[in-house]
């Protein structure tokens, strides 16, 4: 077998950062019966297909190095983890595709990648696509969706990936008809602000029998995925719930596209006059300002300052503070519910002591990774003897035992610290009004 580098040279497959994924809309709206890892492997493999010159044998070639880069894997057992992921994909992964045929629908269940070949002595990975899945990847016509592979890389749940692809399908139509014409303003608005019934959203996310409580469904299928999508993809997305009576019947999304750095620098100046682009920039700024304001009022901001993980100068960085509020502080809230505010402080002290210079440029990612690992480690579980018990007598609550309760947050800030914080807040507020 020839090497991957030779095949790459012949096929001219671009690097991960420049690669696109194209899939028929029927596949986008199908049910992915698989978890995050098989779905991401499938997306990576699809990105290797040249739709203008598709592989005649339905085989594409990857390298292990590329796979590990895509999944950001660098630990010593990455090869065994790769083998496990392939095994899981072939045992559980399939699509339930629904196509409109005449007056009804045609249903088809397809295992997308039945064969994967690799060995221990070189970098080659050979992926064979099921012939039945290929029409959805190469016979695209006009009903297809294309998106950047890098948008998929950082998404950490199957629900984030599925929702991102569905949002891309709608926004791509908005951009297409905005440029080509042929649609009224109302129709363009529908593409950019698509509505989906909750029942349909449950179908495409394969959650008809899961998350029965509406608050659980909203958290895991809407809130958490959209936080990932907003943080790691080209989109900024918000949503509204549409009710029928007391029941939430549908969800309406509001999609805007982030500006690329080269666009800001003037390479695509015509884009800066585009109404959708300008609205997207405005939406992003409003969202950031709201998150920044919440972060300035959060007790976790002072805790980060106290633990030397955040400096007063960094507090002036609106993007940094907005990202902390969106990605890190909800996790601290979860941690506080388990170990209390003192437990959060102990965690921050530990993180501050372990922080190296290379972690400074990406403070949000460093703090987020640290708290996620701590929450998942099981170390947050307290033995019963260490918990604080309280006795209530005549309206007064008194702690019993050696552990004392957390004091109110405001009382733990010295007058000097509070005065400095208020000064910073006032300066920032004045600067934003200008």
Protein backbone atom coordinates (compact mmCIF):
# COMPACT_ATOMS: atom_id res chain seq x y z
CA UNK A 1 0.00 0.00 0.00
CA UNK A 2 1.34 3.45 -0.84
CA UNK A 3 1.82 5.93 1.96
CA UNK A 4 -0.72 8.52 3.04
CA UNK A 5 1.60 11.32 1.95
CA UNK A 6 1.70 9.92 -1.60
CA UNK A 7 -2.08 9.62 -1.73
CA UNK A 8 -2.42 13.15 -0.34
CA UNK A 9 -0.14 14.47 -3.03
CA UNK A 10 -2.19 12.81 -5.76
CA UNK A 11 -5.63 13.65 -4.34
CA UNK A 12 -4.71 17.18 -3.16
CA UNK A 13 -6.72 16.89 0.06
CA UNK A 14 -6.41 20.15 2.00
CA UNK A 15 -5.26 20.40 5.60
CA UNK A 16 -7.83 20.19 8.42
CA UNK A 17 -8.01 23.96 8.84
CA UNK A 18 -9.05 24.46 5.20
CA UNK A 19 -11.36 21.50 4.78
CA UNK A 20 -15.11 21.59 4.17
CA UNK A 21 -17.82 19.01 4.77
CA UNK A 22 -20.71 18.72 2.28
CA UNK A 23 -23.78 16.55 2.93
CA UNK A 24 -27.23 16.24 1.38
CA UNK A 25 -29.97 17.89 3.45
CA UNK A 26 -31.76 14.55 3.79
CA UNK A 27 -28.72 13.32 5.71
CA UNK A 28 -28.58 16.49 7.81
CA UNK A 29 -32.18 15.90 8.96
CA UNK A 30 -31.74 12.15 9.46
CA UNK A 31 -31.39 10.47 12.86
CA UNK A 32 -27.78 9.78 13.82
CA UNK A 33 -27.85 6.61 15.93
CA UNK A 34 -24.38 7.11 17.35
CA UNK A 35 -22.55 9.10 19.99
CA UNK A 36 -20.13 11.99 19.58
CA UNK A 37 -16.94 10.11 18.62
CA UNK A 38 -18.30 7.97 15.75
CA UNK A 39 -20.17 11.00 14.43
CA UNK A 40 -16.99 13.10 14.43
CA UNK A 41 -14.99 10.34 12.73
CA UNK A 42 -17.69 10.22 10.04
CA UNK A 43 -17.52 14.01 9.54
CA UNK A 44 -13.72 13.88 9.28
CA UNK A 45 -13.88 11.09 6.70
CA UNK A 46 -16.54 12.95 4.65
CA UNK A 47 -14.27 16.00 4.52
CA UNK A 48 -11.78 13.90 2.49
CA UNK A 49 -14.27 13.36 -0.35
CA UNK A 50 -13.81 15.45 -3.46
CA UNK A 51 -17.40 15.76 -4.72
CA UNK A 52 -16.20 16.71 -8.21
CA UNK A 53 -13.93 13.67 -8.38
CA UNK A 54 -15.34 11.13 -5.87
CA UNK A 55 -13.42 7.92 -5.10
CA UNK A 56 -14.54 5.13 -7.43
CA UNK A 57 -13.89 2.47 -4.80
CA UNK A 58 -15.66 4.50 -2.04
CA UNK A 59 -12.40 4.59 -0.05
CA UNK A 60 -10.74 7.62 1.50
CA UNK A 61 -7.43 7.74 3.36
CA UNK A 62 -6.60 9.39 6.66
CA UNK A 63 -3.49 9.41 8.78
CA UNK A 64 -3.44 8.58 12.48
CA UNK A 65 -1.62 11.85 13.09
CA UNK A 66 -4.51 13.71 11.46
CA UNK A 67 -7.07 11.77 13.49
CA UNK A 68 -5.31 12.52 16.77
CA UNK A 69 -4.99 16.18 15.81
CA UNK A 70 -8.70 16.37 14.99
CA UNK A 71 -9.63 14.88 18.37
CA UNK A 72 -6.86 16.80 20.19
CA UNK A 73 -5.46 13.54 21.60
CA UNK A 74 -1.86 13.43 22.80
CA UNK A 75 -1.76 10.96 25.70
CA UNK A 76 0.13 7.66 25.75
CA UNK A 77 -2.92 5.42 25.21
CA UNK A 78 -4.21 7.28 22.15
CA UNK A 79 -3.79 4.21 19.88
CA UNK A 80 -5.95 2.00 22.08
CA UNK A 81 -8.52 4.79 22.35
CA UNK A 82 -8.56 5.07 18.56
CA UNK A 83 -9.14 1.32 18.23
CA UNK A 84 -11.98 1.51 20.77
CA UNK A 85 -13.61 4.40 18.90
CA UNK A 86 -13.50 2.48 15.61
CA UNK A 87 -15.02 -0.61 17.23
CA UNK A 88 -17.83 1.42 18.78
CA UNK A 89 -18.51 3.16 15.49
CA UNK A 90 -18.90 -0.11 13.59
CA UNK A 91 -21.06 -1.74 16.27
CA UNK A 92 -23.49 1.10 17.00
CA UNK A 93 -23.27 3.76 14.31
CA UNK A 94 -25.98 4.10 11.69
CA UNK A 95 -28.25 6.74 10.15
CA UNK A 96 -32.02 6.54 9.83
CA UNK A 97 -32.66 8.55 6.67
CA UNK A 98 -36.10 9.86 5.73
CA UNK A 99 -36.67 10.93 2.12
CA UNK A 100 -39.80 12.49 0.71
CA UNK A 101 -41.17 10.27 -2.05
CA UNK A 102 -44.41 11.30 -3.76
CA UNK A 103 -47.11 11.73 -1.13
CA UNK A 104 -45.19 9.99 1.62
CA UNK A 105 -41.73 9.22 2.97
CA UNK A 106 -39.18 6.50 2.32
CA UNK A 107 -37.07 5.32 5.27
CA UNK A 108 -33.62 3.79 5.06
CA UNK A 109 -31.21 2.58 7.78
CA UNK A 110 -27.55 2.82 6.71
CA UNK A 111 -24.31 1.83 8.44
CA UNK A 112 -22.11 4.59 6.91
CA UNK A 113 -18.62 3.09 7.40
CA UNK A 114 -18.67 -0.73 7.49
CA UNK A 115 -14.90 -1.18 7.12
CA UNK A 116 -11.86 0.60 8.56
CA UNK A 117 -8.37 -0.78 7.92
CA UNK A 118 -5.16 0.15 9.74
CA UNK A 119 -2.03 -1.49 11.18
CA UNK A 120 0.58 -1.05 13.90
CA UNK A 121 3.57 -0.31 11.69
CA UNK A 122 2.60 2.80 9.73
CA UNK A 123 0.35 5.87 9.77
CA UNK A 124 -2.26 4.71 7.24
CA UNK A 125 -6.00 4.52 7.96
CA UNK A 126 -8.27 3.33 5.13
CA UNK A 127 -11.98 4.12 5.41
CA UNK A 128 -14.54 2.39 3.20
CA UNK A 129 -17.94 4.09 2.82
CA UNK A 130 -21.11 2.06 2.41
CA UNK A 131 -22.26 2.48 -1.24
CA UNK A 132 -25.74 3.33 0.06
CA UNK A 133 -24.43 6.40 1.94
CA UNK A 134 -22.43 7.77 -1.02
CA UNK A 135 -25.39 9.41 -2.87
CA UNK A 136 -25.90 11.62 0.20
CA UNK A 137 -22.25 12.67 -0.01
CA UNK A 138 -21.61 13.09 -3.76
CA UNK A 139 -24.99 13.41 -5.55
CA UNK A 140 -25.80 16.67 -3.82
CA UNK A 141 -27.66 18.66 -6.48
CA UNK A 142 -28.94 21.90 -4.96
CA UNK A 143 -30.17 20.44 -1.65
CA UNK A 144 -26.97 20.21 0.33
CA UNK A 145 -25.19 21.93 3.21
CA UNK A 146 -21.50 22.80 3.43
CA UNK A 147 -19.63 23.85 6.56
CA UNK A 148 -16.09 24.14 7.91
CA UNK A 149 -14.62 20.98 9.45
CA UNK A 150 -12.95 23.11 12.15
CA UNK A 151 -16.41 24.09 13.42
CA UNK A 152 -17.01 20.43 14.31
CA UNK A 153 -13.63 19.88 15.98
CA UNK A 154 -14.38 21.63 19.28
CA UNK A 155 -17.96 20.44 19.74
CA UNK A 156 -18.17 18.00 22.63
CA UNK A 157 -21.57 16.34 22.30
CA UNK A 158 -23.59 14.70 19.53
CA UNK A 159 -26.40 17.17 20.24
CA UNK A 160 -24.07 20.12 19.55
CA UNK A 161 -22.99 18.57 16.23
CA UNK A 162 -26.54 17.70 15.13
CA UNK A 163 -27.91 21.12 16.06
CA UNK A 164 -24.97 22.90 14.41
CA UNK A 165 -25.55 21.02 11.13
CA UNK A 166 -29.28 21.82 11.18
CA UNK A 167 -28.58 25.51 11.84
CA UNK A 168 -25.97 25.51 9.05
CA UNK A 169 -28.53 24.03 6.65
CA UNK A 170 -30.91 26.93 7.30
CA UNK A 171 -28.30 29.70 7.35
CA UNK A 172 -26.70 28.44 4.13
CA UNK A 173 -30.07 28.86 2.40
CA UNK A 174 -30.32 32.38 3.82
CA UNK A 175 -26.88 33.28 2.40
CA UNK A 176 -27.59 31.60 -0.95
CA UNK A 177 -30.88 33.38 -1.62
CA UNK A 178 -29.58 36.66 -0.19
CA UNK A 179 -26.87 36.62 -2.86
CA UNK A 180 -28.85 35.06 -5.74
CA UNK A 181 -32.30 36.51 -5.10
CA UNK A 182 -35.53 34.64 -5.67
CA UNK A 183 -36.92 34.93 -2.13
CA UNK A 184 -38.96 37.61 -0.37
CA UNK A 185 -37.66 39.36 2.74
CA UNK A 186 -40.06 37.34 4.89
CA UNK A 187 -38.67 34.09 3.48
CA UNK A 188 -35.08 35.22 4.06
CA UNK A 189 -36.00 36.04 7.66
CA UNK A 190 -37.41 32.52 8.07
CA UNK A 191 -34.10 30.97 6.97
CA UNK A 192 -32.13 33.17 9.36
CA UNK A 193 -34.63 32.70 12.19
CA UNK A 194 -35.75 29.09 11.61
CA UNK A 195 -38.48 27.43 13.67
CA UNK A 196 -38.54 23.75 14.55
CA UNK A 197 -41.19 21.87 16.49
CA UNK A 198 -39.97 20.34 19.75
CA UNK A 199 -41.29 16.96 18.55
CA UNK A 200 -39.15 17.20 15.40
CA UNK A 201 -36.10 18.37 17.36
CA UNK A 202 -36.51 15.32 19.59
CA UNK A 203 -36.60 13.10 16.49
CA UNK A 204 -33.40 14.39 14.86
CA UNK A 205 -31.53 14.38 18.20
CA UNK A 206 -32.85 10.88 18.99
CA UNK A 207 -34.27 12.02 22.35
CA UNK A 208 -37.92 11.02 22.01
CA UNK A 209 -37.55 8.78 25.07
CA UNK A 210 -34.97 10.89 26.91
CA UNK A 211 -35.04 14.15 28.88
CA UNK A 212 -38.78 13.93 29.44
CA UNK A 213 -38.74 16.97 31.74
CA UNK A 214 -38.81 20.16 29.70
CA UNK A 215 -36.11 21.83 31.81
CA UNK A 216 -33.76 18.87 31.30
CA UNK A 217 -34.46 18.89 27.55
CA UNK A 218 -33.78 22.62 27.35
CA UNK A 219 -30.51 22.31 29.28
CA UNK A 220 -28.99 19.38 27.36
CA UNK A 221 -30.45 19.85 23.87
CA UNK A 222 -30.55 23.66 23.67
CA UNK A 223 -28.55 25.56 26.29
CA UNK A 224 -25.39 23.43 26.53
CA UNK A 225 -25.07 22.80 22.75
CA UNK A 226 -25.63 26.48 21.93
CA UNK A 227 -22.93 27.53 24.40
CA UNK A 228 -20.51 25.27 22.53
CA UNK A 229 -21.72 26.46 19.13
CA UNK A 230 -21.40 30.12 20.12
CA UNK A 231 -17.93 29.56 21.58
CA UNK A 232 -16.37 27.36 18.89
CA UNK A 233 -18.07 27.86 15.52
CA UNK A 234 -18.70 30.65 13.01
CA UNK A 235 -22.21 31.18 14.42
CA UNK A 236 -23.75 33.16 17.25
CA UNK A 237 -27.17 31.70 18.05
CA UNK A 238 -29.98 32.63 20.45
CA UNK A 239 -33.45 31.11 20.74
CA UNK A 240 -37.03 31.76 21.86
CA UNK A 241 -39.60 29.25 23.06
CA UNK A 242 -42.98 29.29 21.28
CA UNK A 243 -45.87 28.07 23.41
CA UNK A 244 -49.28 26.65 22.62
CA UNK A 245 -51.23 27.12 25.80
CA UNK A 246 -48.89 26.11 28.62
CA UNK A 247 -46.85 23.71 26.48
CA UNK A 248 -43.67 24.63 24.60
CA UNK A 249 -44.56 23.66 21.03
CA UNK A 250 -41.62 25.01 18.98
CA UNK A 251 -38.21 26.65 19.18
CA UNK A 252 -37.21 29.64 17.09
CA UNK A 253 -33.48 30.20 16.58
CA UNK A 254 -31.84 33.50 15.69
CA UNK A 255 -28.60 32.93 13.77
CA UNK A 256 -25.87 35.43 12.98
CA UNK A 257 -22.42 34.81 11.56
CA UNK A 258 -19.21 35.94 13.19
CA UNK A 259 -16.78 38.05 11.25
CA UNK A 260 -13.52 36.48 10.13
CA UNK A 261 -10.28 38.33 11.06
CA UNK A 262 -9.38 38.86 7.40
CA UNK A 263 -12.76 40.48 6.83
CA UNK A 264 -12.16 42.94 9.65
CA UNK A 265 -8.74 43.70 8.22
CA UNK A 266 -10.30 44.66 4.92
CA UNK A 267 -9.71 41.66 2.66
CA UNK A 268 -13.44 41.31 2.06
CA UNK A 269 -14.67 44.86 2.49
CA UNK A 270 -17.79 44.28 0.44
CA UNK A 271 -18.96 41.93 3.21
CA UNK A 272 -18.86 44.84 5.66
CA UNK A 273 -21.73 46.44 3.76
CA UNK A 274 -23.85 43.28 3.94
CA UNK A 275 -26.92 43.69 6.16
CA UNK A 276 -26.65 40.17 7.61
CA UNK A 277 -22.98 40.69 8.42
CA UNK A 278 -23.63 44.01 10.16
CA UNK A 279 -26.57 42.56 12.10
CA UNK A 280 -24.41 39.65 13.18
CA UNK A 281 -21.75 42.00 14.46
CA UNK A 282 -24.37 44.01 16.35
CA UNK A 283 -25.87 40.84 17.88
CA UNK A 284 -22.44 39.68 18.98
CA UNK A 285 -21.63 43.01 20.62
CA UNK A 286 -24.95 43.12 22.50
CA UNK A 287 -24.48 39.54 23.70
CA UNK A 288 -20.92 40.25 24.83
CA UNK A 289 -21.92 43.41 26.70
CA UNK A 290 -24.67 41.51 28.54
CA UNK A 291 -22.30 38.71 29.53
CA UNK A 292 -19.64 41.24 30.55
CA UNK A 293 -22.10 43.04 32.82
CA UNK A 294 -23.06 39.74 34.48
CA UNK A 295 -19.39 38.83 34.96
CA UNK A 296 -18.68 42.16 36.68
CA UNK A 297 -21.41 41.39 39.21
CA UNK A 298 -20.39 37.77 39.73
CA UNK A 299 -18.81 36.71 43.00
CA UNK A 300 -16.55 34.36 41.05
CA UNK A 301 -14.78 37.35 39.49
CA UNK A 302 -13.57 38.51 42.91
CA UNK A 303 -12.65 34.92 43.81
CA UNK A 304 -10.44 34.73 40.70
CA UNK A 305 -8.81 38.03 41.59
CA UNK A 306 -8.22 36.93 45.18
CA UNK A 307 -6.60 33.71 43.99
CA UNK A 308 -4.37 35.71 41.55
CA UNK A 309 -5.85 33.91 38.53
CA UNK A 310 -7.33 37.17 37.23
CA UNK A 311 -5.87 40.66 37.42
CA UNK A 312 -7.79 43.96 37.60
CA UNK A 313 -6.32 44.84 34.21
CA UNK A 314 -7.77 41.66 32.70
CA UNK A 315 -11.19 42.71 34.01
CA UNK A 316 -11.18 45.44 31.37
CA UNK A 317 -11.09 42.81 28.59
CA UNK A 318 -14.76 42.53 27.58
CA UNK A 319 -14.26 39.38 25.49
CA UNK A 320 -12.37 37.60 28.25
CA UNK A 321 -14.94 38.45 30.92
CA UNK A 322 -17.85 37.53 28.62
CA UNK A 323 -16.27 34.14 27.92
CA UNK A 324 -15.64 33.53 31.62
CA UNK A 325 -19.30 34.30 32.35
CA UNK A 326 -20.52 32.05 29.55
CA UNK A 327 -18.18 29.08 29.80
CA UNK A 328 -16.57 28.97 33.27
CA UNK A 329 -18.88 30.52 35.86
CA UNK A 330 -21.78 28.06 35.28
CA UNK A 331 -19.31 25.27 36.11
CA UNK A 332 -18.23 27.06 39.29
CA UNK A 333 -21.88 27.29 40.24
CA UNK A 334 -22.19 23.51 39.83
CA UNK A 335 -19.07 23.02 41.94
CA UNK A 336 -20.32 25.38 44.66
CA UNK A 337 -23.56 23.40 44.90
CA UNK A 338 -21.47 20.34 45.77
CA UNK A 339 -18.62 21.64 47.92
CA UNK A 340 -19.71 25.16 48.90
CA UNK A 341 -17.90 28.43 48.26
CA UNK A 342 -14.95 27.36 50.42
CA UNK A 343 -14.55 24.30 48.23
CA UNK A 344 -14.49 26.52 45.14
CA UNK A 345 -11.76 28.64 46.78
CA UNK A 346 -9.67 25.56 47.54
CA UNK A 347 -10.02 24.49 43.92
CA UNK A 348 -8.92 27.94 42.68
CA UNK A 349 -5.94 27.97 45.05
CA UNK A 350 -4.88 24.58 43.68
CA UNK A 351 -5.33 25.74 40.07
CA UNK A 352 -3.35 28.95 40.75
CA UNK A 353 -0.47 26.95 42.24
CA UNK A 354 -0.39 24.56 39.27
CA UNK A 355 -0.79 27.20 36.55
CA UNK A 356 2.22 27.50 34.26
CA UNK A 357 3.17 30.37 31.96
CA UNK A 358 1.83 28.61 28.85
CA UNK A 359 -1.68 28.61 30.32
CA UNK A 360 -1.88 32.40 30.56
CA UNK A 361 -2.75 33.18 26.89
CA UNK A 362 -5.93 31.10 27.07
CA UNK A 363 -7.21 31.62 30.60
CA UNK A 364 -10.80 30.62 29.80
CA UNK A 365 -9.83 27.24 28.32
CA UNK A 366 -7.39 26.57 31.19
CA UNK A 367 -9.95 27.31 33.93
CA UNK A 368 -12.73 25.45 32.12
CA UNK A 369 -10.60 22.34 31.63
CA UNK A 370 -9.47 22.41 35.27
CA UNK A 371 -12.96 22.62 36.76
CA UNK A 372 -14.42 20.02 34.36
CA UNK A 373 -11.68 17.55 35.33
CA UNK A 374 -12.31 18.26 39.01
CA UNK A 375 -16.07 17.74 38.65
CA UNK A 376 -15.55 14.51 36.74
CA UNK A 377 -12.85 13.16 39.06
CA UNK A 378 -15.22 12.28 41.91
CA UNK A 379 -12.99 14.14 44.40
CA UNK A 380 -15.81 16.62 45.05
CA UNK A 381 -17.81 14.08 47.04
CA UNK A 382 -17.56 14.87 50.74
CA UNK A 383 -17.70 12.24 53.47
CA UNK A 384 -20.71 12.65 55.74
CA UNK A 385 -18.58 13.58 58.77
CA UNK A 386 -17.14 16.63 56.97
CA UNK A 387 -20.52 18.15 56.14
CA UNK A 388 -21.93 20.98 58.20
CA UNK A 389 -25.12 20.33 60.15
CA UNK A 390 -27.35 23.14 61.37
CA UNK A 391 -29.77 23.45 64.28
CA UNK A 392 -32.61 25.97 64.14
CA UNK A 393 -33.81 27.43 67.46
CA UNK A 394 -36.26 30.32 67.64
CA UNK A 395 -35.51 31.50 64.12
CA UNK A 396 -31.73 31.37 64.56
CA UNK A 397 -29.58 28.91 62.57
CA UNK A 398 -26.46 27.65 64.37
CA UNK A 399 -23.74 25.38 62.89
CA UNK A 400 -23.04 22.15 64.73
CA UNK A 401 -19.59 20.51 64.62
CA UNK A 402 -16.14 21.71 63.72
CA UNK A 403 -16.97 22.99 60.23
CA UNK A 404 -18.36 26.53 60.04
CA UNK A 405 -20.64 27.71 57.23
CA UNK A 406 -19.47 29.97 54.41
CA UNK A 407 -19.87 33.63 55.23
CA UNK A 408 -21.85 35.83 52.92
CA UNK A 409 -19.72 36.78 49.92
CA UNK A 410 -19.95 40.55 50.39
CA UNK A 411 -18.76 40.40 54.00
CA UNK A 412 -15.51 38.76 52.93
CA UNK A 413 -14.44 41.68 50.75
CA UNK A 414 -12.32 44.23 52.57
CA UNK A 415 -13.36 47.90 52.29
CA UNK A 416 -10.19 48.59 50.27
CA UNK A 417 -10.96 45.76 47.81
CA UNK A 418 -14.58 46.87 47.46
CA UNK A 419 -13.51 50.47 46.86
CA UNK A 420 -11.04 49.39 44.15
CA UNK A 421 -13.63 47.16 42.48
CA UNK A 422 -16.23 49.95 42.41
CA UNK A 423 -13.63 52.29 40.91
CA UNK A 424 -12.87 49.80 38.12
CA UNK A 425 -16.58 49.26 37.45
CA UNK A 426 -17.20 53.02 37.20
CA UNK A 427 -14.27 53.54 34.79
CA UNK A 428 -15.45 50.69 32.58
CA UNK A 429 -19.03 51.92 32.64
CA UNK A 430 -17.94 55.46 31.68
CA UNK A 431 -15.76 54.15 28.86
CA UNK A 432 -18.63 52.09 27.39
CA UNK A 433 -20.94 55.12 27.36
CA UNK A 434 -18.54 57.12 25.21
